[in-house]
PDB file of N, CA and C in Angstrom:
ATOM      1  N   MET A   1      25.545  35.817  11.571  1.00  0.00           N
ATOM      2  CA  MET A   1      25.735  36.880  12.531  1.00  0.00           C
ATOM      3  C   MET A   1      24.521  37.796  12.470  1.00  0.00           C
ATOM      4  N   LYS A   2      23.941  38.061  13.639  1.00  0.00           N
ATOM      5  CA  LYS A   2      22.767  38.931  13.649  1.00  0.00           C
ATOM      6  C   LYS A   2      23.189  40.396  13.622  1.00  0.00           C
ATOM      7  N   MET A   3      22.485  41.151  12.821  1.00  0.00           N
ATOM      8  CA  MET A   3      22.848  42.547  12.607  1.00  0.00           C
ATOM      9  C   MET A   3      21.576  43.305  12.245  1.00  0.00           C
ATOM     10  N   ILE A   4      21.332  44.433  12.912  1.00  0.00           N
ATOM     11  CA  ILE A   4      20.186  45.272  12.589  1.00  0.00           C
ATOM     12  C   ILE A   4      20.724  46.623  12.105  1.00  0.00           C
ATOM     13  N   ILE A   5      20.460  46.916  10.842  1.00  0.00           N
ATOM     14  CA  ILE A   5      20.962  48.138  10.220  1.00  0.00           C
ATOM     15  C   ILE A   5      19.782  49.063   9.938  1.00  0.00           C
ATOM     16  N   SER A   6      19.943  50.333  10.306  1.00  0.00           N
ATOM     17  CA  SER A   6      18.898  51.319  10.040  1.00  0.00           C
ATOM     18  C   SER A   6      19.401  52.330   9.014  1.00  0.00           C
ATOM     19  N   ASN A   7      18.752  52.368   7.858  1.00  0.00           N
ATOM     20  CA  ASN A   7      19.120  53.336   6.823  1.00  0.00           C
ATOM     21  C   ASN A   7      18.707  54.751   7.204  1.00  0.00           C
ATOM     22  N   SER A   8      17.772  54.879   8.133  1.00  0.00           N
ATOM     23  CA  SER A   8      17.285  56.205   8.512  1.00  0.00           C
ATOM     24  C   SER A   8      18.049  56.784   9.712  1.00  0.00           C
ATOM     25  N   SER A   9      18.967  56.009  10.269  1.00  0.00           N
ATOM     26  CA  SER A   9      19.746  56.477  11.414  1.00  0.00           C
ATOM     27  C   SER A   9      20.755  57.547  10.997  1.00  0.00           C
ATOM     28  N   SER A  10      21.074  58.437  11.934  1.00  0.00           N
ATOM     29  CA  SER A  10      22.100  59.454  11.660  1.00  0.00           C
ATOM     30  C   SER A  10      23.501  58.849  11.793  1.00  0.00           C
ATOM     31  N   ILE A  11      23.587  57.643  12.362  1.00  0.00           N
ATOM     32  CA  ILE A  11      24.871  56.948  12.515  1.00  0.00           C
ATOM     33  C   ILE A  11      25.199  56.245  11.198  1.00  0.00           C
ATOM     34  N   PRO A  12      26.412  56.472  10.651  1.00  0.00           N
ATOM     35  CA  PRO A  12      26.785  55.813   9.396  1.00  0.00           C
ATOM     36  C   PRO A  12      26.663  54.292   9.508  1.00  0.00           C
ATOM     37  N   ILE A  13      26.332  53.645   8.401  1.00  0.00           N
ATOM     38  CA  ILE A  13      26.113  52.199   8.404  1.00  0.00           C
ATOM     39  C   ILE A  13      27.355  51.445   8.876  1.00  0.00           C
ATOM     40  N   TYR A  14      28.552  51.864   8.416  1.00  0.00           N
ATOM     41  CA  TYR A  14      29.760  51.136   8.839  1.00  0.00           C
ATOM     42  C   TYR A  14      29.927  51.215  10.359  1.00  0.00           C
ATOM     43  N   GLU A  15      29.519  52.340  10.951  1.00  0.00           N
ATOM     44  CA  GLU A  15      29.638  52.498  12.402  1.00  0.00           C
ATOM     45  C   GLU A  15      28.590  51.655  13.124  1.00  0.00           C
ATOM     46  N   GLN A  16      27.414  51.518  12.540  1.00  0.00           N
ATOM     47  CA  GLN A  16      26.382  50.647  13.120  1.00  0.00           C
ATOM     48  C   GLN A  16      26.897  49.210  13.163  1.00  0.00           C
ATOM     49  N   ILE A  17      27.519  48.778  12.071  1.00  0.00           N
ATOM     50  CA  ILE A  17      28.071  47.416  11.997  1.00  0.00           C
ATOM     51  C   ILE A  17      29.168  47.256  13.046  1.00  0.00           C
ATOM     52  N   LYS A  18      30.088  48.206  13.075  1.00  0.00           N
ATOM     53  CA  LYS A  18      31.203  48.189  14.030  1.00  0.00           C
ATOM     54  C   LYS A  18      30.681  48.116  15.465  1.00  0.00           C
ATOM     55  N   ASN A  19      29.727  48.985  15.800  1.00  0.00           N
ATOM     56  CA  ASN A  19      29.192  49.028  17.159  1.00  0.00           C
ATOM     57  C   ASN A  19      28.501  47.730  17.554  1.00  0.00           C
ATOM     58  N   GLN A  20      27.792  47.115  16.614  1.00  0.00           N
ATOM     59  CA  GLN A  20      27.096  45.870  16.925  1.00  0.00           C
ATOM     60  C   GLN A  20      28.076  44.718  17.135  1.00  0.00           C
ATOM     61  N   ILE A  21      29.161  44.705  16.381  1.00  0.00           N
ATOM     62  CA  ILE A  21      30.172  43.660  16.580  1.00  0.00           C
ATOM     63  C   ILE A  21      30.858  43.868  17.929  1.00  0.00           C
ATOM     64  N   ILE A  22      31.186  45.119  18.278  1.00  0.00           N
ATOM     65  CA  ILE A  22      31.793  45.409  19.585  1.00  0.00           C
ATOM     66  C   ILE A  22      30.852  44.960  20.698  1.00  0.00           C
ATOM     67  N   GLU A  23      29.579  45.270  20.556  1.00  0.00           N
ATOM     68  CA  GLU A  23      28.593  44.880  21.563  1.00  0.00           C
ATOM     69  C   GLU A  23      28.543  43.363  21.724  1.00  0.00           C
ATOM     70  N   GLN A  24      28.593  42.635  20.609  1.00  0.00           N
ATOM     71  CA  GLN A  24      28.566  41.170  20.676  1.00  0.00           C
ATOM     72  C   GLN A  24      29.829  40.626  21.343  1.00  0.00           C
ATOM     73  N   ILE A  25      30.960  41.295  21.131  1.00  0.00           N
ATOM     74  CA  ILE A  25      32.207  40.873  21.785  1.00  0.00           C
ATOM     75  C   ILE A  25      32.101  41.154  23.291  1.00  0.00           C
ATOM     76  N   MET A  26      31.628  42.337  23.656  1.00  0.00           N
ATOM     77  CA  MET A  26      31.523  42.713  25.069  1.00  0.00           C
ATOM     78  C   MET A  26      30.534  41.828  25.835  1.00  0.00           C
ATOM     79  N   ASN A  27      29.480  41.385  25.146  1.00  0.00           N
ATOM     80  CA  ASN A  27      28.466  40.536  25.778  1.00  0.00           C
ATOM     81  C   ASN A  27      28.811  39.047  25.692  1.00  0.00           C
ATOM     82  N   ASP A  28      30.008  38.732  25.215  1.00  0.00           N
ATOM     83  CA  ASP A  28      30.469  37.346  25.073  1.00  0.00           C
ATOM     84  C   ASP A  28      29.636  36.518  24.100  1.00  0.00           C
ATOM     85  N   GLU A  29      28.898  37.193  23.212  1.00  0.00           N
ATOM     86  CA  GLU A  29      28.232  36.467  22.135  1.00  0.00           C
ATOM     87  C   GLU A  29      29.286  36.051  21.109  1.00  0.00           C
ATOM     88  N   LEU A  30      30.311  36.894  20.965  1.00  0.00           N
ATOM     89  CA  LEU A  30      31.483  36.562  20.159  1.00  0.00           C
ATOM     90  C   LEU A  30      32.652  36.463  21.129  1.00  0.00           C
ATOM     91  N   LYS A  31      33.346  35.341  21.091  1.00  0.00           N
ATOM     92  CA  LYS A  31      34.447  35.103  22.019  1.00  0.00           C
ATOM     93  C   LYS A  31      35.788  35.141  21.300  1.00  0.00           C
ATOM     94  N   GLU A  32      36.855  35.227  22.091  1.00  0.00           N
ATOM     95  CA  GLU A  32      38.208  35.243  21.542  1.00  0.00           C
ATOM     96  C   GLU A  32      38.397  34.091  20.562  1.00  0.00           C
ATOM     97  N   ASP A  33      38.986  34.385  19.431  1.00  0.00           N
ATOM     98  CA  ASP A  33      39.292  33.442  18.359  1.00  0.00           C
ATOM     99  C   ASP A  33      38.070  32.959  17.572  1.00  0.00           C
ATOM    100  N   ASP A  34      36.863  33.484  17.873  1.00  0.00           N
ATOM    101  CA  ASP A  34      35.706  33.172  17.023  1.00  0.00           C
ATOM    102  C   ASP A  34      35.963  33.788  15.653  1.00  0.00           C
ATOM    103  N   MET A  35      35.598  33.046  14.619  1.00  0.00           N
ATOM    104  CA  MET A  35      35.782  33.546  13.253  1.00  0.00           C
ATOM    105  C   MET A  35      34.576  34.380  12.848  1.00  0.00           C
ATOM    106  N   LEU A  36      34.854  35.559  12.302  1.00  0.00           N
ATOM    107  CA  LEU A  36      33.788  36.416  11.780  1.00  0.00           C
ATOM    108  C   LEU A  36      33.510  36.033  10.329  1.00  0.00           C
ATOM    109  N   PRO A  37      32.322  36.349   9.839  1.00  0.00           N
ATOM    110  CA  PRO A  37      32.051  36.089   8.422  1.00  0.00           C
ATOM    111  C   PRO A  37      33.013  36.907   7.553  1.00  0.00           C
ATOM    112  N   SER A  38      33.318  36.399   6.390  1.00  0.00           N
ATOM    113  CA  SER A  38      34.165  37.171   5.472  1.00  0.00           C
ATOM    114  C   SER A  38      33.418  38.448   5.093  1.00  0.00           C
ATOM    115  N   ILE A  39      34.165  39.429   4.634  1.00  0.00           N
ATOM    116  CA  ILE A  39      33.566  40.693   4.208  1.00  0.00           C
ATOM    117  C   ILE A  39      32.512  40.415   3.133  1.00  0.00           C
ATOM    118  N   ARG A  40      32.850  39.561   2.199  1.00  0.00           N
ATOM    119  CA  ARG A  40      31.931  39.229   1.100  1.00  0.00           C
ATOM    120  C   ARG A  40      30.665  38.535   1.612  1.00  0.00           C
ATOM    121  N   ALA A  41      30.845  37.573   2.535  1.00  0.00           N
ATOM    122  CA  ALA A  41      29.688  36.834   3.068  1.00  0.00           C
ATOM    123  C   ALA A  41      28.769  37.753   3.875  1.00  0.00           C
ATOM    124  N   LEU A  42      29.355  38.608   4.722  1.00  0.00           N
ATOM    125  CA  LEU A  42      28.535  39.514   5.524  1.00  0.00           C
ATOM    126  C   LEU A  42      27.827  40.532   4.629  1.00  0.00           C
ATOM    127  N   SER A  43      28.532  41.001   3.606  1.00  0.00           N
ATOM    128  CA  SER A  43      27.952  41.943   2.660  1.00  0.00           C
ATOM    129  C   SER A  43      26.713  41.343   1.999  1.00  0.00           C
ATOM    130  N   LYS A  44      26.839  40.103   1.573  1.00  0.00           N
ATOM    131  CA  LYS A  44      25.726  39.418   0.904  1.00  0.00           C
ATOM    132  C   LYS A  44      24.588  39.148   1.895  1.00  0.00           C
ATOM    133  N   ASP A  45      24.956  38.749   3.114  1.00  0.00           N
ATOM    134  CA  ASP A  45      23.975  38.380   4.138  1.00  0.00           C
ATOM    135  C   ASP A  45      23.112  39.561   4.561  1.00  0.00           C
ATOM    136  N   ILE A  46      23.734  40.718   4.810  1.00  0.00           N
ATOM    137  CA  ILE A  46      22.954  41.863   5.293  1.00  0.00           C
ATOM    138  C   ILE A  46      22.675  42.893   4.191  1.00  0.00           C
ATOM    139  N   LYS A  47      23.095  42.551   2.979  1.00  0.00           N
ATOM    140  CA  LYS A  47      22.822  43.385   1.795  1.00  0.00           C
ATOM    141  C   LYS A  47      23.363  44.806   1.940  1.00  0.00           C
ATOM    142  N   ILE A  48      24.638  44.876   2.338  1.00  0.00           N
ATOM    143  CA  ILE A  48      25.359  46.143   2.470  1.00  0.00           C
ATOM    144  C   ILE A  48      26.610  46.024   1.610  1.00  0.00           C
ATOM    145  N   SER A  49      27.075  47.129   1.041  1.00  0.00           N
ATOM    146  CA  SER A  49      28.209  47.071   0.113  1.00  0.00           C
ATOM    147  C   SER A  49      29.488  46.538   0.774  1.00  0.00           C
ATOM    148  N   LEU A  50      30.309  45.905  -0.058  1.00  0.00           N
ATOM    149  CA  LEU A  50      31.600  45.366   0.402  1.00  0.00           C
ATOM    150  C   LEU A  50      32.448  46.450   1.053  1.00  0.00           C
ATOM    151  N   MET A  51      32.481  47.634   0.461  1.00  0.00           N
ATOM    152  CA  MET A  51      33.326  48.715   0.966  1.00  0.00           C
ATOM    153  C   MET A  51      32.880  49.167   2.363  1.00  0.00           C
ATOM    154  N   THR A  52      31.591  49.141   2.617  1.00  0.00           N
ATOM    155  CA  THR A  52      31.071  49.537   3.928  1.00  0.00           C
ATOM    156  C   THR A  52      31.482  48.522   4.988  1.00  0.00           C
ATOM    157  N   ILE A  53      31.364  47.233   4.650  1.00  0.00           N
ATOM    158  CA  ILE A  53      31.770  46.170   5.580  1.00  0.00           C
ATOM    159  C   ILE A  53      33.275  46.255   5.812  1.00  0.00           C
ATOM    160  N   LYS A  54      34.036  46.467   4.738  1.00  0.00           N
ATOM    161  CA  LYS A  54      35.492  46.566   4.864  1.00  0.00           C
ATOM    162  C   LYS A  54      35.878  47.710   5.781  1.00  0.00           C
ATOM    163  N   LYS A  55      35.205  48.836   5.654  1.00  0.00           N
ATOM    164  CA  LYS A  55      35.504  49.990   6.501  1.00  0.00           C
ATOM    165  C   LYS A  55      35.242  49.652   7.974  1.00  0.00           C
ATOM    166  N   ALA A  56      34.139  48.974   8.246  1.00  0.00           N
ATOM    167  CA  ALA A  56      33.816  48.572   9.624  1.00  0.00           C
ATOM    168  C   ALA A  56      34.884  47.616  10.158  1.00  0.00           C
ATOM    169  N   TYR A  57      35.261  46.601   9.361  1.00  0.00           N
ATOM    170  CA  TYR A  57      36.276  45.627   9.780  1.00  0.00           C
ATOM    171  C   TYR A  57      37.628  46.319   9.981  1.00  0.00           C
ATOM    172  N   ASP A  58      37.981  47.245   9.097  1.00  0.00           N
ATOM    173  CA  ASP A  58      39.259  47.963   9.229  1.00  0.00           C
ATOM    174  C   ASP A  58      39.302  48.746  10.539  1.00  0.00           C
ATOM    175  N   GLN A  59      38.203  49.402  10.877  1.00  0.00           N
ATOM    176  CA  GLN A  59      38.131  50.166  12.130  1.00  0.00           C
ATOM    177  C   GLN A  59      38.238  49.235  13.339  1.00  0.00           C
ATOM    178  N   LEU A  60      37.535  48.109  13.281  1.00  0.00           N
ATOM    179  CA  LEU A  60      37.573  47.139  14.379  1.00  0.00           C
ATOM    180  C   LEU A  60      38.990  46.596  14.574  1.00  0.00           C
ATOM    181  N   GLU A  61      39.679  46.357  13.455  1.00  0.00           N
ATOM    182  CA  GLU A  61      41.048  45.833  13.544  1.00  0.00           C
ATOM    183  C   GLU A  61      41.981  46.904  14.107  1.00  0.00           C
ATOM    184  N   LYS A  62      41.817  48.130  13.654  1.00  0.00           N
ATOM    185  CA  LYS A  62      42.646  49.241  14.135  1.00  0.00           C
ATOM    186  C   LYS A  62      42.454  49.435  15.641  1.00  0.00           C
ATOM    187  N   ASP A  63      41.219  49.245  16.107  1.00  0.00           N
ATOM    188  CA  ASP A  63      40.905  49.423  17.528  1.00  0.00           C
ATOM    189  C   ASP A  63      41.241  48.183  18.370  1.00  0.00           C
ATOM    190  N   GLY A  64      41.697  47.097  17.716  1.00  0.00           N
ATOM    191  CA  GLY A  64      42.136  45.914  18.446  1.00  0.00           C
ATOM    192  C   GLY A  64      41.057  44.907  18.791  1.00  0.00           C
ATOM    193  N   TYR A  65      39.864  45.055  18.228  1.00  0.00           N
ATOM    194  CA  TYR A  65      38.778  44.117  18.527  1.00  0.00           C
ATOM    195  C   TYR A  65      38.881  42.833  17.713  1.00  0.00           C
ATOM    196  N   ILE A  66      39.386  42.949  16.496  1.00  0.00           N
ATOM    197  CA  ILE A  66      39.507  41.776  15.629  1.00  0.00           C
ATOM    198  C   ILE A  66      40.894  41.742  15.012  1.00  0.00           C
ATOM    199  N   LYS A  67      41.248  40.580  14.467  1.00  0.00           N
ATOM    200  CA  LYS A  67      42.523  40.445  13.757  1.00  0.00           C
ATOM    201  C   LYS A  67      42.268  39.648  12.490  1.00  0.00           C
ATOM    202  N   SER A  68      42.945  40.047  11.427  1.00  0.00           N
ATOM    203  CA  SER A  68      42.832  39.345  10.150  1.00  0.00           C
ATOM    204  C   SER A  68      44.088  38.521   9.942  1.00  0.00           C
ATOM    205  N   ILE A  69      43.908  37.283   9.532  1.00  0.00           N
ATOM    206  CA  ILE A  69      45.031  36.411   9.235  1.00  0.00           C
ATOM    207  C   ILE A  69      44.907  36.022   7.772  1.00  0.00           C
ATOM    208  N   ALA A  70      45.893  36.440   6.981  1.00  0.00           N
ATOM    209  CA  ALA A  70      45.857  36.199   5.531  1.00  0.00           C
ATOM    210  C   ALA A  70      45.632  34.721   5.238  1.00  0.00           C
ATOM    211  N   GLY A  71      44.679  34.451   4.373  1.00  0.00           N
ATOM    212  CA  GLY A  71      44.394  33.086   3.953  1.00  0.00           C
ATOM    213  C   GLY A  71      43.562  32.288   4.936  1.00  0.00           C
ATOM    214  N   LYS A  72      43.294  32.838   6.118  1.00  0.00           N
ATOM    215  CA  LYS A  72      42.514  32.105   7.128  1.00  0.00           C
ATOM    216  C   LYS A  72      41.201  32.780   7.463  1.00  0.00           C
ATOM    217  N   GLY A  73      41.237  34.120   7.616  1.00  0.00           N
ATOM    218  CA  GLY A  73      39.997  34.818   7.940  1.00  0.00           C
ATOM    219  C   GLY A  73      40.186  35.905   8.969  1.00  0.00           C
ATOM    220  N   THR A  74      39.074  36.339   9.528  1.00  0.00           N
ATOM    221  CA  THR A  74      39.059  37.413  10.515  1.00  0.00           C
ATOM    222  C   THR A  74      38.508  36.846  11.817  1.00  0.00           C
ATOM    223  N   PHE A  75      39.215  37.143  12.912  1.00  0.00           N
ATOM    224  CA  PHE A  75      38.895  36.537  14.201  1.00  0.00           C
ATOM    225  C   PHE A  75      38.805  37.593  15.298  1.00  0.00           C
ATOM    226  N   VAL A  76      38.056  37.259  16.355  1.00  0.00           N
ATOM    227  CA  VAL A  76      37.968  38.133  17.524  1.00  0.00           C
ATOM    228  C   VAL A  76      39.312  38.073  18.244  1.00  0.00           C
ATOM    229  N   SER A  77      39.826  39.247  18.632  1.00  0.00           N
ATOM    230  CA  SER A  77      41.099  39.332  19.352  1.00  0.00           C
ATOM    231  C   SER A  77      40.922  38.966  20.822  1.00  0.00           C
ATOM    232  N   LYS A  78      42.034  38.927  21.536  1.00  0.00           N
ATOM    233  CA  LYS A  78      42.004  38.664  22.972  1.00  0.00           C
ATOM    234  C   LYS A  78      41.184  39.736  23.685  1.00  0.00           C
ATOM    235  N   LYS A  79      40.447  39.350  24.702  1.00  0.00           N
ATOM    236  CA  LYS A  79      39.575  40.249  25.448  1.00  0.00           C
ATOM    237  C   LYS A  79      40.352  41.404  26.085  1.00  0.00           C
ATOM    238  N   ILE A  80      41.584  41.153  26.513  1.00  0.00           N
ATOM    239  CA  ILE A  80      42.409  42.160  27.167  1.00  0.00           C
ATOM    240  C   ILE A  80      42.544  43.403  26.287  1.00  0.00           C
ATOM    241  N   GLN A  81      42.654  43.201  24.992  1.00  0.00           N
ATOM    242  CA  GLN A  81      42.802  44.323  24.065  1.00  0.00           C
ATOM    243  C   GLN A  81      41.481  45.049  23.832  1.00  0.00           C
ATOM    244  N   ASN A  82      40.391  44.418  24.221  1.00  0.00           N
ATOM    245  CA  ASN A  82      39.068  44.959  23.889  1.00  0.00           C
ATOM    246  C   ASN A  82      38.513  45.877  24.957  1.00  0.00           C
ATOM    247  N   LEU A  83      39.349  46.685  25.568  1.00  0.00           N
ATOM    248  CA  LEU A  83      38.859  47.614  26.568  1.00  0.00           C
ATOM    249  C   LEU A  83      38.045  48.686  25.870  1.00  0.00           C
ATOM    250  N   HIS A  84      36.801  48.753  26.202  1.00  0.00           N
ATOM    251  CA  HIS A  84      35.840  49.629  25.535  1.00  0.00           C
ATOM    252  C   HIS A  84      35.941  51.031  26.076  1.00  0.00           C
TER     253      HIS A  84
END
């Protein structure tokens, strides 16, 4: 998953991650039922702490953009729920 994080931005890192995932969903780069990287894998890939990635994923799930299925992973939700 492509992600550009700026440490010098006034926007918190978890929000940068959240916004970029929303943008990818809105632009159909990520489609319904696409699997997102695990929190651990994304953390390792972009070298950001697990807690920061978890916070971004938790916000995305709360806002209806993604859904977590225990034992399976995290997936993009239906587009209908993704009203920006």
